Amino acid sequence: MSTAISAQDVKALRERTGAGMMDCKKALVEAGGDIEKAVEALRVKGIAKAEKRGDRGTSEGTVQSYIHANGKIGALVEVDCETDFVARNEDYIGFAKDLALHVAAAGPISVDDDGVPAEEIERERRIAEEQFADKPEQIRPRIVQGKVDSWLKEVVLLRQVHVNGDKYEGRTIEEIRAALASRTGENIVIRRFTRFAVGD
């Protein structure tokens, strides 16, 4: 028995993921009408598509900035893509501007896990080991790793949930980037960022 898929569900899924209408309908059918499962399936596909594009050069892009109204915090971000056509796309530029605001507000230390200094990860691991020293030895490593992963979600840009919850509905920067890559059909790379704060 097939599940009836409403046009409203297809539209809602499309708005959340940026995937094509037929892809959304197919994902909803495969997920039995469960929007959350369909979102997850499309994200996996979107990320897979982006990974296939990952070896294509990103020689175009944009640098966007954000300065807080008080003039004491600001950020610059570089987001690269493959063509000048996408570099001029409103969604793409809007993503980069929103990313600059996010960097200013959230203060990440690295774009991805690879950029986090090993000594900082080790320091967090030591702190967690001390905090949970009283836990049974067989479960302690999992608890410690969970604590380190939670910390990485706070400091790694791609893992962070965007500060604009109303617009991005609790999605991570990586999920937003992957959806944009899926919509544009191009490799989108967050190359680097710099955050400035008076007194830092």
Protein backbone atom coordinates (compact mmCIF):
# COMPACT_ATOMS: atom_id res chain seq x y z
CA MET A 1 0.00 0.00 0.00
CA SER A 2 1.59 3.30 -1.07
CA THR A 3 1.50 6.39 1.11
CA ALA A 4 -0.30 9.45 -0.29
CA ILE A 5 2.14 12.35 -0.50
CA SER A 6 0.65 15.85 -0.37
CA ALA A 7 1.91 18.77 -2.44
CA GLN A 8 2.32 20.72 0.82
CA ASP A 9 4.70 18.07 2.17
CA VAL A 10 6.73 18.12 -1.05
CA LYS A 11 6.90 21.93 -0.90
CA ALA A 12 7.89 21.91 2.79
CA LEU A 13 10.63 19.34 2.14
CA ARG A 14 11.89 21.31 -0.84
CA GLU A 15 12.09 24.51 1.23
CA ARG A 16 14.01 22.75 3.98
CA THR A 17 16.50 20.92 1.78
CA GLY A 18 16.75 22.84 -1.48
CA ALA A 19 16.37 19.56 -3.37
CA GLY A 20 14.39 19.27 -6.61
CA MET A 21 10.65 18.59 -6.56
CA MET A 22 10.91 15.04 -7.94
CA ASP A 23 13.75 14.21 -5.53
CA CYS A 24 11.59 15.44 -2.64
CA LYS A 25 8.58 13.43 -3.76
CA LYS A 26 10.68 10.28 -4.20
CA ALA A 27 12.30 10.75 -0.78
CA LEU A 28 8.88 11.18 0.86
CA VAL A 29 7.56 8.04 -0.84
CA GLU A 30 10.63 6.06 0.27
CA ALA A 31 10.27 7.45 3.82
CA GLY A 32 6.59 6.51 3.98
CA GLY A 33 5.57 10.17 4.23
CA ASP A 34 7.86 10.86 7.23
CA ILE A 35 9.32 14.30 6.54
CA GLU A 36 12.20 13.94 9.02
CA LYS A 37 13.34 10.65 7.44
CA ALA A 38 13.02 12.22 3.98
CA VAL A 39 15.13 15.21 5.09
CA GLU A 40 17.81 12.85 6.39
CA ALA A 41 17.78 10.81 3.17
CA LEU A 42 18.09 13.94 1.02
CA ARG A 43 20.89 15.31 3.19
CA VAL A 44 22.80 12.07 2.77
CA LYS A 45 22.27 12.27 -1.01
CA GLY A 46 23.15 15.97 -1.04
CA ILE A 47 26.34 15.35 0.86
CA ALA A 48 27.18 12.43 -1.45
CA LYS A 49 26.63 14.68 -4.48
CA ALA A 50 28.83 17.35 -2.93
CA GLU A 51 31.54 14.76 -2.25
CA LYS A 52 31.48 13.71 -5.92
CA ARG A 53 31.99 17.37 -6.81
CA GLY A 54 34.64 17.78 -4.14
CA ASP A 55 37.56 17.28 -6.51
CA ARG A 56 36.35 20.00 -8.87
CA GLY A 57 38.17 23.29 -8.47
CA THR A 58 36.63 26.22 -6.65
CA SER A 59 38.32 29.21 -8.24
CA GLU A 60 35.37 31.60 -7.87
CA GLY A 61 33.69 32.83 -4.74
CA THR A 62 32.93 35.71 -2.44
CA VAL A 63 34.26 37.39 0.66
CA GLN A 64 31.54 38.77 2.91
CA SER A 65 31.67 40.66 6.18
CA TYR A 66 29.58 41.42 9.21
CA ILE A 67 30.15 44.19 11.73
CA HIS A 68 27.96 44.24 14.84
CA ALA A 69 26.00 47.46 15.42
CA ASN A 70 28.19 48.32 18.43
CA GLY A 71 31.29 48.23 16.22
CA LYS A 72 33.13 45.94 18.63
CA ILE A 73 32.75 42.55 16.90
CA GLY A 74 33.11 41.65 13.23
CA ALA A 75 33.91 38.80 10.88
CA LEU A 76 35.14 38.12 7.35
CA VAL A 77 34.40 34.86 5.55
CA GLU A 78 35.55 33.42 2.22
CA VAL A 79 33.14 31.00 0.56
CA ASP A 80 34.30 29.50 -2.75
CA CYS A 81 32.43 27.93 -5.65
CA GLU A 82 33.19 26.75 -9.19
CA THR A 83 31.67 29.43 -11.45
CA ASP A 84 31.08 33.16 -11.44
CA PHE A 85 27.42 32.39 -12.22
CA VAL A 86 26.97 30.85 -8.76
CA ALA A 87 29.25 33.48 -7.19
CA ARG A 88 26.64 36.08 -8.22
CA ASN A 89 23.66 33.95 -7.08
CA GLU A 90 21.53 35.63 -4.38
CA ASP A 91 21.18 32.44 -2.29
CA TYR A 92 24.93 31.90 -2.37
CA ILE A 93 25.75 35.50 -1.39
CA GLY A 94 23.04 35.41 1.28
CA PHE A 95 24.56 32.23 2.71
CA ALA A 96 28.00 33.89 2.89
CA LYS A 97 26.57 37.01 4.58
CA ASP A 98 24.64 34.90 7.09
CA LEU A 99 27.81 32.89 7.68
CA ALA A 100 29.76 36.07 8.53
CA LEU A 101 27.07 37.02 11.06
CA HIS A 102 27.22 33.51 12.52
CA VAL A 103 31.02 33.61 12.85
CA ALA A 104 30.83 36.97 14.64
CA ALA A 105 28.17 35.67 17.04
CA ALA A 106 29.32 32.07 17.64
CA GLY A 107 33.11 32.50 17.61
CA PRO A 108 34.21 29.18 16.09
CA ILE A 109 37.92 28.35 16.21
CA SER A 110 38.14 26.30 12.99
CA VAL A 111 36.21 25.58 9.79
CA ASP A 112 36.44 21.80 10.29
CA ASP A 113 37.80 19.20 12.72
CA ASP A 114 41.18 19.12 10.97
CA GLY A 115 41.81 22.76 11.85
CA VAL A 116 41.39 22.26 15.60
CA PRO A 117 44.83 22.10 17.24
CA ALA A 118 45.55 18.59 18.57
CA GLU A 119 46.66 20.01 21.93
CA GLU A 120 43.25 21.65 22.43
CA ILE A 121 41.45 18.38 21.71
CA GLU A 122 43.80 16.61 24.11
CA ARG A 123 43.16 19.26 26.79
CA GLU A 124 39.38 18.76 26.45
CA ARG A 125 39.88 14.98 26.65
CA ARG A 126 41.93 15.34 29.87
CA ILE A 127 39.28 17.62 31.42
CA ALA A 128 36.54 15.11 30.52
CA GLU A 129 38.58 12.21 31.92
CA GLU A 130 38.96 14.07 35.22
CA GLN A 131 35.25 14.97 35.30
CA PHE A 132 34.17 11.38 34.76
CA ALA A 133 36.93 9.57 36.66
CA ASP A 134 34.31 8.05 38.99
CA LYS A 135 32.40 6.36 36.12
CA PRO A 136 32.86 2.61 35.48
CA GLU A 137 35.95 1.94 33.37
CA GLN A 138 34.06 0.06 30.65
CA ILE A 139 31.82 3.07 29.83
CA ARG A 140 34.21 5.94 30.64
CA PRO A 141 35.87 6.11 27.15
CA ARG A 142 32.45 6.51 25.47
CA ILE A 143 31.43 9.24 27.91
CA VAL A 144 34.73 11.07 27.43
CA GLN A 145 34.47 10.84 23.63
CA GLY A 146 30.89 12.12 23.82
CA LYS A 147 32.07 15.11 25.86
CA VAL A 148 34.86 15.85 23.34
CA ASP A 149 32.36 15.57 20.46
CA SER A 150 30.01 17.99 22.25
CA TRP A 151 32.86 20.46 22.61
CA LEU A 152 33.73 20.11 18.90
CA LYS A 153 30.10 20.94 18.04
CA GLU A 154 30.57 24.20 19.94
CA VAL A 155 33.86 25.28 18.32
CA VAL A 156 33.97 23.79 14.78
CA LEU A 157 32.13 25.97 12.26
CA LEU A 158 30.74 23.15 10.10
CA ARG A 159 29.38 21.36 13.20
CA GLN A 160 27.72 24.44 14.74
CA VAL A 161 23.98 25.03 14.52
CA HIS A 162 23.39 28.36 12.77
CA VAL A 163 22.61 31.18 15.21
CA ASN A 164 19.65 32.26 13.05
CA GLY A 165 17.33 29.49 14.22
CA ASP A 166 14.24 31.07 12.65
CA LYS A 167 15.72 31.03 9.16
CA TYR A 168 17.74 27.82 9.32
CA GLU A 169 15.51 25.74 11.62
CA GLY A 170 18.25 24.26 13.79
CA ARG A 171 20.41 23.03 10.90
CA THR A 172 24.19 22.91 11.14
CA ILE A 173 26.43 24.99 8.90
CA GLU A 174 27.44 21.78 7.08
CA GLU A 175 23.80 20.87 6.42
CA ILE A 176 23.10 24.37 5.08
CA ARG A 177 26.24 24.28 2.91
CA ALA A 178 25.36 20.82 1.55
CA ALA A 179 21.81 21.94 0.69
CA LEU A 180 23.21 24.99 -1.15
CA ALA A 181 25.66 22.76 -3.04
CA SER A 182 22.76 20.49 -3.98
CA ARG A 183 20.64 23.43 -5.20
CA THR A 184 23.44 25.04 -7.22
CA GLY A 185 24.95 21.79 -8.52
CA GLU A 186 28.40 23.05 -7.57
CA ASN A 187 31.06 22.35 -5.00
CA ILE A 188 30.70 24.99 -2.26
CA VAL A 189 33.68 25.35 0.09
CA ILE A 190 33.92 27.47 3.22
CA ARG A 191 37.58 28.33 2.75
CA ARG A 192 38.38 30.44 5.81
CA PHE A 193 37.16 33.04 8.26
CA THR A 194 38.53 35.65 10.62
CA ARG A 195 36.71 37.00 13.64
CA PHE A 196 37.63 40.32 15.20
CA ALA A 197 36.67 41.53 18.68
CA VAL A 198 37.88 44.68 20.40
CA GLY A 199 40.29 43.68 23.15
CA ASP A 200 41.00 40.16 21.81
